[in-house]
């Protein structure tokens, strides 16, 4: 018999499902970050300066990916966005 109560075992299955969903979100965020970087590069070529709004979005997207990595590695318990606020860029 397991040493964990039934509620904890159910929560681990729920967490497993959330980990799979967060893995998909991480992959989508990686693709989005690639396109943000590509657009930022083209804009920087055209205007000799990066776009500040894209910089802020890229920074917050990177923090979101960090939150996902922390969640799926059990470093934090609270799942990230959409179950929490989107990370700030500052």
PDB file of N, CA and C in Angstrom:
ATOM      1  N   UNK A   1       0.830  -1.179   0.000  1.00  0.00           N
ATOM      2  CA  UNK A   1       0.000   0.000   0.000  1.00  0.00           C
ATOM      3  C   UNK A   1       0.877   1.245   0.000  1.00  0.00           C
ATOM      4  N   UNK A   2       0.400   2.288  -0.628  1.00  0.00           N
ATOM      5  CA  UNK A   2       1.169   3.517  -0.757  1.00  0.00           C
ATOM      6  C   UNK A   2       1.224   4.269   0.567  1.00  0.00           C
ATOM      7  N   UNK A   3       2.316   4.975   0.779  1.00  0.00           N
ATOM      8  CA  UNK A   3       2.474   5.743   2.006  1.00  0.00           C
ATOM      9  C   UNK A   3       1.781   7.100   1.939  1.00  0.00           C
ATOM     10  N   UNK A   4       1.281   7.508   0.757  1.00  0.00           N
ATOM     11  CA  UNK A   4       0.616   8.789   0.593  1.00  0.00           C
ATOM     12  C   UNK A   4      -0.891   8.626   0.685  1.00  0.00           C
ATOM     13  N   UNK A   5      -1.584   9.605   1.261  1.00  0.00           N
ATOM     14  CA  UNK A   5      -3.049   9.560   1.285  1.00  0.00           C
ATOM     15  C   UNK A   5      -3.621   9.622  -0.131  1.00  0.00           C
ATOM     16  N   UNK A   6      -4.869   9.214  -0.261  1.00  0.00           N
ATOM     17  CA  UNK A   6      -5.526   9.179  -1.580  1.00  0.00           C
ATOM     18  C   UNK A   6      -5.553  10.560  -2.208  1.00  0.00           C
ATOM     19  N   UNK A   7      -5.801  11.620  -1.424  1.00  0.00           N
ATOM     20  CA  UNK A   7      -5.864  12.977  -1.972  1.00  0.00           C
ATOM     21  C   UNK A   7      -4.534  13.383  -2.598  1.00  0.00           C
ATOM     22  N   UNK A   8      -3.437  13.003  -1.989  1.00  0.00           N
ATOM     23  CA  UNK A   8      -2.126  13.341  -2.534  1.00  0.00           C
ATOM     24  C   UNK A   8      -1.883  12.576  -3.824  1.00  0.00           C
ATOM     25  N   UNK A   9      -2.286  11.291  -3.872  1.00  0.00           N
ATOM     26  CA  UNK A   9      -2.107  10.507  -5.105  1.00  0.00           C
ATOM     27  C   UNK A   9      -2.916  11.112  -6.244  1.00  0.00           C
ATOM     28  N   UNK A  10      -4.142  11.576  -5.960  1.00  0.00           N
ATOM     29  CA  UNK A  10      -4.946  12.206  -7.005  1.00  0.00           C
ATOM     30  C   UNK A  10      -4.291  13.506  -7.453  1.00  0.00           C
ATOM     31  N   UNK A  11      -3.744  14.259  -6.510  1.00  0.00           N
ATOM     32  CA  UNK A  11      -3.094  15.516  -6.864  1.00  0.00           C
ATOM     33  C   UNK A  11      -1.871  15.283  -7.739  1.00  0.00           C
ATOM     34  N   UNK A  12      -1.162  14.198  -7.530  1.00  0.00           N
ATOM     35  CA  UNK A  12       0.015  13.932  -8.354  1.00  0.00           C
ATOM     36  C   UNK A  12      -0.413  13.622  -9.793  1.00  0.00           C
ATOM     37  N   UNK A  13      -1.560  12.970  -9.967  1.00  0.00           N
ATOM     38  CA  UNK A  13      -2.056  12.716 -11.321  1.00  0.00           C
ATOM     39  C   UNK A  13      -2.510  14.017 -11.973  1.00  0.00           C
ATOM     40  N   UNK A  14      -3.133  14.885 -11.201  1.00  0.00           N
ATOM     41  CA  UNK A  14      -3.519  16.193 -11.722  1.00  0.00           C
ATOM     42  C   UNK A  14      -2.281  16.996 -12.099  1.00  0.00           C
ATOM     43  N   UNK A  15      -1.271  16.947 -11.243  1.00  0.00           N
ATOM     44  CA  UNK A  15      -0.023  17.640 -11.549  1.00  0.00           C
ATOM     45  C   UNK A  15       0.613  17.062 -12.812  1.00  0.00           C
ATOM     46  N   UNK A  16       0.572  15.755 -12.977  1.00  0.00           N
ATOM     47  CA  UNK A  16       1.111  15.134 -14.181  1.00  0.00           C
ATOM     48  C   UNK A  16       0.425  15.644 -15.432  1.00  0.00           C
ATOM     49  N   UNK A  17      -0.903  15.761 -15.371  1.00  0.00           N
ATOM     50  CA  UNK A  17      -1.650  16.310 -16.500  1.00  0.00           C
ATOM     51  C   UNK A  17      -1.241  17.752 -16.758  1.00  0.00           C
ATOM     52  N   UNK A  18      -1.114  18.551 -15.686  1.00  0.00           N
ATOM     53  CA  UNK A  18      -0.680  19.937 -15.839  1.00  0.00           C
ATOM     54  C   UNK A  18       0.736  20.020 -16.393  1.00  0.00           C
ATOM     55  N   UNK A  19       1.590  19.088 -16.007  1.00  0.00           N
ATOM     56  CA  UNK A  19       2.961  19.075 -16.518  1.00  0.00           C
ATOM     57  C   UNK A  19       2.978  18.823 -18.026  1.00  0.00           C
ATOM     58  N   UNK A  20       2.120  17.943 -18.493  1.00  0.00           N
ATOM     59  CA  UNK A  20       2.022  17.681 -19.933  1.00  0.00           C
ATOM     60  C   UNK A  20       1.530  18.934 -20.655  1.00  0.00           C
ATOM     61  N   UNK A  21       0.495  19.568 -20.112  1.00  0.00           N
ATOM     62  CA  UNK A  21      -0.031  20.796 -20.724  1.00  0.00           C
ATOM     63  C   UNK A  21       1.013  21.911 -20.709  1.00  0.00           C
ATOM     64  N   UNK A  22       1.745  22.018 -19.627  1.00  0.00           N
ATOM     65  CA  UNK A  22       2.791  23.042 -19.539  1.00  0.00           C
ATOM     66  C   UNK A  22       3.946  22.740 -20.498  1.00  0.00           C
ATOM     67  N   UNK A  23       4.200  21.464 -20.750  1.00  0.00           N
ATOM     68  CA  UNK A  23       5.208  21.096 -21.739  1.00  0.00           C
ATOM     69  C   UNK A  23       4.810  21.548 -23.135  1.00  0.00           C
ATOM     70  N   UNK A  24       3.538  21.394 -23.456  1.00  0.00           N
ATOM     71  CA  UNK A  24       3.024  21.873 -24.750  1.00  0.00           C
ATOM     72  C   UNK A  24       3.117  23.400 -24.801  1.00  0.00           C
ATOM     73  N   UNK A  25       2.754  24.065 -23.693  1.00  0.00           N
ATOM     74  CA  UNK A  25       2.841  25.527 -23.640  1.00  0.00           C
ATOM     75  C   UNK A  25       4.294  25.989 -23.805  1.00  0.00           C
ATOM     76  N   UNK A  26       5.232  25.257 -23.216  1.00  0.00           N
ATOM     77  CA  UNK A  26       6.651  25.596 -23.345  1.00  0.00           C
ATOM     78  C   UNK A  26       7.093  25.506 -24.806  1.00  0.00           C
ATOM     79  N   UNK A  27       6.664  24.467 -25.461  1.00  0.00           N
ATOM     80  CA  UNK A  27       7.016  24.290 -26.873  1.00  0.00           C
ATOM     81  C   UNK A  27       6.439  25.428 -27.716  1.00  0.00           C
ATOM     82  N   UNK A  28       5.171  25.763 -27.495  1.00  0.00           N
ATOM     83  CA  UNK A  28       4.546  26.861 -28.243  1.00  0.00           C
ATOM     84  C   UNK A  28       5.237  28.185 -27.939  1.00  0.00           C
ATOM     85  N   UNK A  29       5.597  28.396 -26.675  1.00  0.00           N
ATOM     86  CA  UNK A  29       6.304  29.625 -26.299  1.00  0.00           C
ATOM     87  C   UNK A  29       7.669  29.690 -26.965  1.00  0.00           C
ATOM     88  N   UNK A  30       8.329  28.558 -27.135  1.00  0.00           N
ATOM     89  CA  UNK A  30       9.623  28.523 -27.825  1.00  0.00           C
ATOM     90  C   UNK A  30       9.483  28.937 -29.279  1.00  0.00           C
ATOM     91  N   UNK A  31       8.452  28.449 -29.920  1.00  0.00           N
ATOM     92  CA  UNK A  31       8.201  28.819 -31.313  1.00  0.00           C
ATOM     93  C   UNK A  31       7.894  30.313 -31.403  1.00  0.00           C
ATOM     94  N   UNK A  32       7.060  30.797 -30.499  1.00  0.00           N
ATOM     95  CA  UNK A  32       6.717  32.217 -30.484  1.00  0.00           C
ATOM     96  C   UNK A  32       7.956  33.073 -30.230  1.00  0.00           C
ATOM     97  N   UNK A  33       8.806  32.648 -29.307  1.00  0.00           N
ATOM     98  CA  UNK A  33      10.032  33.388 -29.012  1.00  0.00           C
ATOM     99  C   UNK A  33      10.955  33.438 -30.229  1.00  0.00           C
ATOM    100  N   UNK A  34      11.006  32.363 -30.989  1.00  0.00           N
ATOM    101  CA  UNK A  34      11.805  32.358 -32.218  1.00  0.00           C
ATOM    102  C   UNK A  34      11.306  33.430 -33.177  1.00  0.00           C
ATOM    103  N   UNK A  35       9.990  33.520 -33.362  1.00  0.00           N
ATOM    104  CA  UNK A  35       9.446  34.516 -34.281  1.00  0.00           C
ATOM    105  C   UNK A  35       9.601  35.932 -33.748  1.00  0.00           C
ATOM    106  N   UNK A  36       9.491  36.110 -32.448  1.00  0.00           N
ATOM    107  CA  UNK A  36       9.736  37.425 -31.855  1.00  0.00           C
ATOM    108  C   UNK A  36      11.181  37.835 -32.113  1.00  0.00           C
ATOM    109  N   UNK A  37      12.110  36.914 -31.928  1.00  0.00           N
ATOM    110  CA  UNK A  37      13.519  37.211 -32.173  1.00  0.00           C
ATOM    111  C   UNK A  37      13.773  37.535 -33.641  1.00  0.00           C
ATOM    112  N   UNK A  38      13.144  36.799 -34.526  1.00  0.00           N
ATOM    113  CA  UNK A  38      13.300  37.040 -35.955  1.00  0.00           C
ATOM    114  C   UNK A  38      12.757  38.412 -36.334  1.00  0.00           C
ATOM    115  N   UNK A  39      11.572  38.735 -35.867  1.00  0.00           N
ATOM    116  CA  UNK A  39      10.977  40.045 -36.145  1.00  0.00           C
ATOM    117  C   UNK A  39      11.837  41.153 -35.542  1.00  0.00           C
ATOM    118  N   UNK A  40      12.307  40.930 -34.327  1.00  0.00           N
ATOM    119  CA  UNK A  40      13.150  41.924 -33.663  1.00  0.00           C
ATOM    120  C   UNK A  40      14.433  42.160 -34.470  1.00  0.00           C
ATOM    121  N   UNK A  41      15.013  41.106 -34.999  1.00  0.00           N
ATOM    122  CA  UNK A  41      16.226  41.233 -35.805  1.00  0.00           C
ATOM    123  C   UNK A  41      15.965  42.061 -37.059  1.00  0.00           C
ATOM    124  N   UNK A  42      14.871  41.762 -37.746  1.00  0.00           N
ATOM    125  CA  UNK A  42      14.531  42.500 -38.963  1.00  0.00           C
ATOM    126  C   UNK A  42      14.265  43.967 -38.629  1.00  0.00           C
ATOM    127  N   UNK A  43      13.536  44.231 -37.565  1.00  0.00           N
ATOM    128  CA  UNK A  43      13.270  45.618 -37.177  1.00  0.00           C
ATOM    129  C   UNK A  43      14.549  46.347 -36.778  1.00  0.00           C
ATOM    130  N   UNK A  44      15.447  45.644 -36.106  1.00  0.00           N
ATOM    131  CA  UNK A  44      16.717  46.257 -35.715  1.00  0.00           C
ATOM    132  C   UNK A  44      17.571  46.563 -36.943  1.00  0.00           C
ATOM    133  N   UNK A  45      17.511  45.711 -37.947  1.00  0.00           N
ATOM    134  CA  UNK A  45      18.227  45.987 -39.197  1.00  0.00           C
ATOM    135  C   UNK A  45      17.660  47.225 -39.888  1.00  0.00           C
ATOM    136  N   UNK A  46      16.350  47.345 -39.873  1.00  0.00           N
ATOM    137  CA  UNK A  46      15.686  48.438 -40.577  1.00  0.00           C
ATOM    138  C   UNK A  46      15.812  49.770 -39.838  1.00  0.00           C
ATOM    139  N   UNK A  47      15.788  49.751 -38.519  1.00  0.00           N
ATOM    140  CA  UNK A  47      15.753  51.016 -37.776  1.00  0.00           C
ATOM    141  C   UNK A  47      16.985  51.248 -36.915  1.00  0.00           C
ATOM    142  N   UNK A  48      17.936  50.355 -36.929  1.00  0.00           N
ATOM    143  CA  UNK A  48      19.165  50.462 -36.128  1.00  0.00           C
ATOM    144  C   UNK A  48      18.913  50.439 -34.625  1.00  0.00           C
ATOM    145  N   UNK A  49      17.730  50.012 -34.210  1.00  0.00           N
ATOM    146  CA  UNK A  49      17.423  49.911 -32.776  1.00  0.00           C
ATOM    147  C   UNK A  49      16.357  48.841 -32.578  1.00  0.00           C
ATOM    148  N   UNK A  50      16.454  48.070 -31.514  1.00  0.00           N
ATOM    149  CA  UNK A  50      15.410  47.073 -31.245  1.00  0.00           C
ATOM    150  C   UNK A  50      14.118  47.738 -30.787  1.00  0.00           C
ATOM    151  N   UNK A  51      13.027  47.057 -31.012  1.00  0.00           N
ATOM    152  CA  UNK A  51      11.709  47.548 -30.607  1.00  0.00           C
ATOM    153  C   UNK A  51      11.530  47.325 -29.107  1.00  0.00           C
ATOM    154  N   UNK A  52      11.271  48.391 -28.334  1.00  0.00           N
ATOM    155  CA  UNK A  52      11.161  48.229 -26.875  1.00  0.00           C
ATOM    156  C   UNK A  52      10.003  47.332 -26.429  1.00  0.00           C
ATOM    157  N   UNK A  53       8.893  47.383 -27.152  1.00  0.00           N
ATOM    158  CA  UNK A  53       7.761  46.529 -26.763  1.00  0.00           C
ATOM    159  C   UNK A  53       8.062  45.059 -27.021  1.00  0.00           C
ATOM    160  N   UNK A  54       8.734  44.774 -28.130  1.00  0.00           N
ATOM    161  CA  UNK A  54       9.125  43.394 -28.392  1.00  0.00           C
ATOM    162  C   UNK A  54      10.179  42.918 -27.392  1.00  0.00           C
ATOM    163  N   UNK A  55      11.055  43.823 -26.974  1.00  0.00           N
ATOM    164  CA  UNK A  55      12.042  43.475 -25.945  1.00  0.00           C
ATOM    165  C   UNK A  55      11.342  43.077 -24.652  1.00  0.00           C
ATOM    166  N   UNK A  56      10.367  43.873 -24.238  1.00  0.00           N
ATOM    167  CA  UNK A  56       9.636  43.600 -23.002  1.00  0.00           C
ATOM    168  C   UNK A  56       8.855  42.286 -23.122  1.00  0.00           C
ATOM    169  N   UNK A  57       8.219  42.067 -24.283  1.00  0.00           N
ATOM    170  CA  UNK A  57       7.466  40.826 -24.466  1.00  0.00           C
ATOM    171  C   UNK A  57       8.392  39.619 -24.474  1.00  0.00           C
ATOM    172  N   UNK A  58       9.529  39.741 -25.145  1.00  0.00           N
ATOM    173  CA  UNK A  58      10.497  38.640 -25.172  1.00  0.00           C
ATOM    174  C   UNK A  58      11.017  38.310 -23.783  1.00  0.00           C
ATOM    175  N   UNK A  59      11.260  39.348 -22.989  1.00  0.00           N
ATOM    176  CA  UNK A  59      11.729  39.140 -21.622  1.00  0.00           C
ATOM    177  C   UNK A  59      10.662  38.419 -20.783  1.00  0.00           C
ATOM    178  N   UNK A  60       9.410  38.854 -20.897  1.00  0.00           N
ATOM    179  CA  UNK A  60       8.352  38.197 -20.117  1.00  0.00           C
ATOM    180  C   UNK A  60       8.092  36.779 -20.626  1.00  0.00           C
ATOM    181  N   UNK A  61       8.237  36.551 -21.927  1.00  0.00           N
ATOM    182  CA  UNK A  61       8.071  35.213 -22.477  1.00  0.00           C
ATOM    183  C   UNK A  61       9.161  34.278 -21.967  1.00  0.00           C
ATOM    184  N   UNK A  62      10.389  34.791 -21.871  1.00  0.00           N
ATOM    185  CA  UNK A  62      11.477  34.001 -21.306  1.00  0.00           C
ATOM    186  C   UNK A  62      11.237  33.671 -19.838  1.00  0.00           C
ATOM    187  N   UNK A  63      10.703  34.619 -19.091  1.00  0.00           N
ATOM    188  CA  UNK A  63      10.374  34.359 -17.685  1.00  0.00           C
ATOM    189  C   UNK A  63       9.270  33.318 -17.565  1.00  0.00           C
ATOM    190  N   UNK A  64       8.309  33.382 -18.494  1.00  0.00           N
ATOM    191  CA  UNK A  64       7.240  32.377 -18.513  1.00  0.00           C
ATOM    192  C   UNK A  64       7.822  30.983 -18.747  1.00  0.00           C
ATOM    193  N   UNK A  65       8.752  30.874 -19.671  1.00  0.00           N
ATOM    194  CA  UNK A  65       9.381  29.581 -19.926  1.00  0.00           C
ATOM    195  C   UNK A  65      10.151  29.106 -18.692  1.00  0.00           C
ATOM    196  N   UNK A  66      10.770  30.031 -17.987  1.00  0.00           N
ATOM    197  CA  UNK A  66      11.452  29.680 -16.744  1.00  0.00           C
ATOM    198  C   UNK A  66      10.488  29.179 -15.684  1.00  0.00           C
ATOM    199  N   UNK A  67       9.320  29.814 -15.599  1.00  0.00           N
ATOM    200  CA  UNK A  67       8.300  29.356 -14.651  1.00  0.00           C
ATOM    201  C   UNK A  67       7.827  27.954 -15.006  1.00  0.00           C
ATOM    202  N   UNK A  68       7.649  27.692 -16.301  1.00  0.00           N
ATOM    203  CA  UNK A  68       7.232  26.351 -16.723  1.00  0.00           C
ATOM    204  C   UNK A  68       8.308  25.331 -16.352  1.00  0.00           C
ATOM    205  N   UNK A  69       9.562  25.656 -16.626  1.00  0.00           N
ATOM    206  CA  UNK A  69      10.658  24.740 -16.297  1.00  0.00           C
ATOM    207  C   UNK A  69      10.700  24.466 -14.796  1.00  0.00           C
ATOM    208  N   UNK A  70      10.490  25.486 -13.990  1.00  0.00           N
ATOM    209  CA  UNK A  70      10.467  25.293 -12.535  1.00  0.00           C
ATOM    210  C   UNK A  70       9.293  24.418 -12.109  1.00  0.00           C
ATOM    211  N   UNK A  71       8.141  24.597 -12.746  1.00  0.00           N
ATOM    212  CA  UNK A  71       6.965  23.797 -12.383  1.00  0.00           C
ATOM    213  C   UNK A  71       7.150  22.331 -12.759  1.00  0.00           C
ATOM    214  N   UNK A  72       7.579  22.060 -13.979  1.00  0.00           N
ATOM    215  CA  UNK A  72       7.683  20.660 -14.416  1.00  0.00           C
ATOM    216  C   UNK A  72       8.833  19.928 -13.728  1.00  0.00           C
ATOM    217  N   UNK A  73       9.793  20.665 -13.174  1.00  0.00           N
ATOM    218  CA  UNK A  73      10.893  20.024 -12.443  1.00  0.00           C
ATOM    219  C   UNK A  73      10.634  19.976 -10.938  1.00  0.00           C
ATOM    220  N   UNK A  74       9.413  20.325 -10.526  1.00  0.00           N
ATOM    221  CA  UNK A  74       8.979  20.293  -9.129  1.00  0.00           C
ATOM    222  C   UNK A  74       9.712  21.315  -8.260  1.00  0.00           C
ATOM    223  N   UNK A  75      10.329  22.341  -8.869  1.00  0.00           N
ATOM    224  CA  UNK A  75      10.995  23.382  -8.093  1.00  0.00           C
ATOM    225  C   UNK A  75       9.970  24.323  -7.456  1.00  0.00           C
ATOM    226  N   UNK A  76       8.805  24.482  -8.105  1.00  0.00           N
ATOM    227  CA  UNK A  76       7.709  25.260  -7.537  1.00  0.00           C
ATOM    228  C   UNK A  76       6.437  24.426  -7.619  1.00  0.00           C
ATOM    229  N   UNK A  77       5.484  24.734  -6.757  1.00  0.00           N
ATOM    230  CA  UNK A  77       4.226  23.982  -6.728  1.00  0.00           C
ATOM    231  C   UNK A  77       3.133  24.631  -7.570  1.00  0.00           C
ATOM    232  N   UNK A  78       3.131  25.963  -7.627  1.00  0.00           N
ATOM    233  CA  UNK A  78       2.052  26.674  -8.316  1.00  0.00           C
ATOM    234  C   UNK A  78       2.269  26.639  -9.824  1.00  0.00           C
ATOM    235  N   UNK A  79       1.263  26.204 -10.576  1.00  0.00           N
ATOM    236  CA  UNK A  79       1.416  26.205 -12.035  1.00  0.00           C
ATOM    237  C   UNK A  79       1.416  27.628 -12.578  1.00  0.00           C
ATOM    238  N   UNK A  80       2.169  27.871 -13.651  1.00  0.00           N
ATOM    239  CA  UNK A  80       2.226  29.213 -14.241  1.00  0.00           C
ATOM    240  C   UNK A  80       0.986  29.545 -15.065  1.00  0.00           C
ATOM    241  N   UNK A  81       1.036  30.674 -15.777  1.00  0.00           N
ATOM    242  CA  UNK A  81      -0.045  31.119 -16.642  1.00  0.00           C
ATOM    243  C   UNK A  81      -0.537  29.961 -17.496  1.00  0.00           C
ATOM    244  N   UNK A  82      -1.797  29.728 -17.646  1.00  0.00           N
ATOM    245  CA  UNK A  82      -2.965  30.551 -17.366  1.00  0.00           C
ATOM    246  C   UNK A  82      -3.551  30.363 -15.967  1.00  0.00           C
ATOM    247  N   UNK A  83      -2.853  29.632 -15.102  1.00  0.00           N
ATOM    248  CA  UNK A  83      -3.338  29.399 -13.754  1.00  0.00           C
ATOM    249  C   UNK A  83      -2.851  30.479 -12.783  1.00  0.00           C
ATOM    250  N   UNK A  84      -1.988  31.359 -13.258  1.00  0.00           N
ATOM    251  CA  UNK A  84      -1.447  32.467 -12.473  1.00  0.00           C
ATOM    252  C   UNK A  84      -1.315  33.659 -13.429  1.00  0.00           C
ATOM    253  N   UNK A  85      -0.884  34.779 -12.907  1.00  0.00           N
ATOM    254  CA  UNK A  85      -0.687  35.962 -13.732  1.00  0.00           C
ATOM    255  C   UNK A  85       0.483  35.785 -14.692  1.00  0.00           C
ATOM    256  N   UNK A  86       0.415  36.479 -15.821  1.00  0.00           N
ATOM    257  CA  UNK A  86       1.523  36.476 -16.776  1.00  0.00           C
ATOM    258  C   UNK A  86       2.707  37.182 -16.121  1.00  0.00           C
ATOM    259  N   UNK A  87       3.923  36.669 -16.301  1.00  0.00           N
ATOM    260  CA  UNK A  87       5.081  37.308 -15.659  1.00  0.00           C
ATOM    261  C   UNK A  87       5.356  38.704 -16.210  1.00  0.00           C
ATOM    262  N   UNK A  88       5.788  39.584 -15.320  1.00  0.00           N
ATOM    263  CA  UNK A  88       6.123  40.948 -15.713  1.00  0.00           C
ATOM    264  C   UNK A  88       7.440  40.956 -16.481  1.00  0.00           C
ATOM    265  N   UNK A  89       7.621  41.984 -17.282  1.00  0.00           N
ATOM    266  CA  UNK A  89       8.843  42.067 -18.073  1.00  0.00           C
ATOM    267  C   UNK A  89       9.951  42.814 -17.371  1.00  0.00           C
ATOM    268  N   UNK A  90       9.652  43.469 -16.251  1.00  0.00           N
ATOM    269  CA  UNK A  90      10.703  44.242 -15.554  1.00  0.00           C
ATOM    270  C   UNK A  90      11.379  43.469 -14.467  1.00  0.00           C
TER     271      UNK A  90
END
